[in-house]
Amino acid sequence: MTSSSGWTHFIHRLTTLSRVLVVIAAMVFTEYFKDVEEESVRDNFVVIYELLDEMMDFGFPQTTEGRILQEFITQEGHKLEAAPRPPMAVTNAVSWRSEGIKYRKNEVFLDVIESVNMLANANGTVLQSEIVGCVKMRVYLTGMPELRLGLNDKVLFEGSGSVFADLSI
């Protein structure tokens, strides 16, 4: 029983030591490469290999201080730089909207206002007709959201028993 608990204690300490070494290695890599990302790991594979070789001998931590490692490994790592931003015209971003717009609810109101003007004779024959309308929109959206609206243009206006029964738009 004691030998098994001894192994458990040893494995627990080894696991803890491994975690600490991973954190220390990440801190050293950050000193060398600024950001530790997939691209920086690919670009600096040779430097990472050299750093790990100096930091561990036969699986045991040795030198983990970044300044001391920089004396042994003089090759500089490739640091990621911020990617240039595309022009505003390409991204289709609305630059005229003020920053910091906030509403309690994100809401959009569409008001469809229509007027029907019709001139008919005494027999009910339509002499002249027109429909005039507009769509007014009130937008209460926070930030710079993307709003997509779809309007259906295949609408039939049918009224049974009226003069509009055969009218379709």
Protein backbone atom coordinates (compact mmCIF):
# COMPACT_ATOMS: atom_id res chain seq x y z
CA MET A 1 0.00 0.00 0.00
CA THR A 2 2.76 2.43 0.84
CA SER A 3 4.55 1.92 -2.46
CA SER A 4 1.36 2.66 -4.41
CA SER A 5 0.70 5.84 -2.40
CA GLY A 6 4.34 6.80 -2.99
CA TRP A 7 3.85 6.43 -6.75
CA THR A 8 0.64 8.45 -6.57
CA HIS A 9 2.45 11.22 -4.72
CA PHE A 10 5.33 11.10 -7.24
CA ILE A 11 2.95 11.26 -10.24
CA HIS A 12 0.99 14.09 -8.61
CA ARG A 13 4.19 16.09 -8.08
CA LEU A 14 5.35 15.31 -11.63
CA THR A 15 2.01 16.49 -13.05
CA THR A 16 2.19 19.69 -11.02
CA LEU A 17 5.78 20.25 -12.14
CA SER A 18 4.74 19.74 -15.78
CA ARG A 19 1.99 22.34 -15.45
CA VAL A 20 4.37 24.84 -13.88
CA LEU A 21 6.90 24.23 -16.66
CA VAL A 22 4.24 24.82 -19.32
CA VAL A 23 3.31 28.15 -17.72
CA ILE A 24 6.97 29.20 -17.45
CA ALA A 25 7.59 28.17 -21.08
CA ALA A 26 4.59 30.23 -22.19
CA MET A 27 5.97 33.26 -20.33
CA VAL A 28 9.40 32.83 -21.97
CA PHE A 29 7.79 32.42 -25.41
CA THR A 30 5.83 35.62 -24.82
CA GLU A 31 9.10 37.47 -24.11
CA TYR A 32 10.54 36.21 -27.39
CA PHE A 33 7.52 36.43 -29.72
CA LYS A 34 5.15 38.99 -28.14
CA ASP A 35 2.04 36.85 -28.83
CA VAL A 36 2.00 33.06 -28.68
CA GLU A 37 -0.36 32.11 -31.48
CA GLU A 38 -0.45 29.38 -34.08
CA GLU A 39 1.29 31.55 -36.68
CA SER A 40 4.06 32.65 -34.31
CA VAL A 41 4.69 29.02 -33.27
CA ARG A 42 5.02 28.01 -36.93
CA ASP A 43 7.29 30.96 -37.74
CA ASN A 44 9.52 30.36 -34.71
CA PHE A 45 9.68 26.58 -34.54
CA VAL A 46 13.49 26.49 -34.49
CA VAL A 47 13.72 29.08 -31.70
CA ILE A 48 11.07 27.23 -29.67
CA TYR A 49 13.01 23.98 -30.08
CA GLU A 50 16.22 25.68 -28.88
CA LEU A 51 14.41 27.26 -25.93
CA LEU A 52 12.88 23.96 -24.84
CA ASP A 53 16.26 22.26 -25.23
CA GLU A 54 17.88 24.82 -22.91
CA MET A 55 14.98 24.86 -20.46
CA MET A 56 14.92 21.07 -19.93
CA ASP A 57 17.59 18.40 -19.74
CA PHE A 58 16.34 14.82 -19.83
CA GLY A 59 12.83 16.06 -18.97
CA PHE A 60 13.88 18.03 -15.90
CA PRO A 61 13.65 21.84 -15.75
CA GLN A 62 16.99 23.61 -15.81
CA THR A 63 17.19 27.24 -16.91
CA THR A 64 13.79 28.92 -17.02
CA GLU A 65 14.75 32.58 -16.62
CA GLY A 66 14.05 34.53 -19.81
CA ARG A 67 17.01 36.93 -19.49
CA ILE A 68 19.50 34.09 -18.99
CA LEU A 69 18.03 32.19 -21.95
CA GLN A 70 18.48 35.29 -24.14
CA GLU A 71 22.22 35.12 -23.44
CA PHE A 72 22.39 31.53 -24.76
CA ILE A 73 19.91 31.85 -27.61
CA THR A 74 20.70 35.03 -29.47
CA GLN A 75 18.45 34.35 -32.45
CA GLU A 76 15.49 36.71 -32.28
CA GLY A 77 11.99 35.40 -32.73
CA HIS A 78 9.67 36.62 -35.43
CA LYS A 79 7.11 38.87 -33.73
CA LEU A 80 3.59 39.15 -35.07
CA GLU A 81 2.55 42.61 -36.09
CA ALA A 82 -0.98 43.89 -36.31
CA ALA A 83 -2.43 43.26 -39.74
CA PRO A 84 -3.17 46.41 -41.72
CA ARG A 85 -6.87 47.26 -41.70
CA PRO A 86 -8.66 47.33 -45.06
CA PRO A 87 -10.04 50.68 -46.25
CA MET A 88 -13.51 51.64 -45.02
CA ALA A 89 -14.90 51.51 -48.58
CA VAL A 90 -14.00 47.82 -48.81
CA THR A 91 -15.59 46.83 -45.51
CA ASN A 92 -18.75 48.81 -46.27
CA ALA A 93 -18.70 50.22 -42.74
CA VAL A 94 -20.90 53.22 -42.07
CA SER A 95 -18.56 55.96 -40.94
CA TRP A 96 -21.20 58.63 -40.47
CA ARG A 97 -22.88 56.95 -37.50
CA SER A 98 -21.77 58.33 -34.15
CA GLU A 99 -19.99 56.01 -31.77
CA GLY A 100 -21.47 55.20 -28.39
CA ILE A 101 -25.13 54.99 -29.46
CA LYS A 102 -26.98 52.83 -26.92
CA TYR A 103 -30.62 51.91 -26.55
CA ARG A 104 -32.35 49.87 -23.90
CA LYS A 105 -33.91 47.62 -26.57
CA ASN A 106 -32.82 46.98 -30.14
CA GLU A 107 -35.93 47.89 -32.13
CA VAL A 108 -36.87 48.78 -35.70
CA PHE A 109 -40.26 50.25 -36.60
CA LEU A 110 -41.57 50.30 -40.17
CA ASP A 111 -44.60 52.48 -40.91
CA VAL A 112 -46.26 51.93 -44.29
CA ILE A 113 -48.36 54.96 -45.20
CA GLU A 114 -50.60 54.60 -48.23
CA SER A 115 -53.13 56.86 -49.93
CA VAL A 116 -55.59 55.63 -52.53
CA ASN A 117 -56.94 58.27 -54.92
CA MET A 118 -59.68 57.20 -57.29
CA LEU A 119 -62.04 58.98 -59.65
CA ALA A 120 -65.11 57.00 -60.74
CA ASN A 121 -68.22 57.94 -62.74
CA ALA A 122 -71.82 57.32 -61.69
CA ASN A 123 -71.78 53.81 -63.20
CA GLY A 124 -68.76 52.76 -61.05
CA THR A 125 -66.27 52.80 -63.90
CA VAL A 126 -62.84 53.89 -62.72
CA LEU A 127 -61.68 56.93 -64.65
CA GLN A 128 -58.43 57.52 -62.84
CA SER A 129 -56.70 55.85 -59.88
CA GLU A 130 -53.43 55.94 -58.08
CA ILE A 131 -51.87 54.56 -54.95
CA VAL A 132 -49.26 56.74 -53.32
CA GLY A 133 -47.25 55.44 -50.43
CA CYS A 134 -44.09 55.65 -48.45
CA VAL A 135 -42.27 53.58 -45.90
CA LYS A 136 -40.96 55.39 -42.84
CA MET A 137 -38.45 53.69 -40.63
CA ARG A 138 -37.48 54.46 -37.07
CA VAL A 139 -34.37 52.61 -35.94
CA TYR A 140 -33.25 52.19 -32.36
CA LEU A 141 -30.24 49.89 -32.70
CA THR A 142 -27.18 49.94 -30.48
CA GLY A 143 -23.74 50.25 -32.07
CA MET A 144 -23.14 49.36 -35.72
CA PRO A 145 -25.42 46.36 -36.37
CA GLU A 146 -26.15 44.86 -39.75
CA LEU A 147 -29.86 45.01 -40.52
CA ARG A 148 -31.41 43.05 -43.39
CA LEU A 149 -34.97 43.64 -44.50
CA GLY A 150 -36.80 41.71 -47.16
CA LEU A 151 -39.81 43.17 -48.95
CA ASN A 152 -42.07 40.94 -51.03
CA ASP A 153 -43.09 42.48 -54.37
CA LYS A 154 -45.45 39.65 -55.38
CA VAL A 155 -48.46 40.92 -53.49
CA LEU A 156 -52.00 40.47 -54.81
CA PHE A 157 -54.67 42.90 -53.77
CA GLU A 158 -57.98 41.10 -54.06
CA GLY A 159 -61.29 42.20 -52.71
CA SER A 160 -64.23 39.93 -53.37
CA GLY A 161 -67.23 41.73 -54.89
CA SER A 162 -65.44 45.04 -55.40
CA VAL A 163 -64.00 46.87 -58.35
CA PHE A 164 -60.53 45.66 -57.32
CA ALA A 165 -61.31 41.95 -57.81
CA ASP A 166 -59.25 41.62 -61.01
CA LEU A 167 -56.51 44.04 -60.05
CA SER A 168 -53.07 42.62 -59.36
CA ILE A 169 -49.79 44.33 -58.80
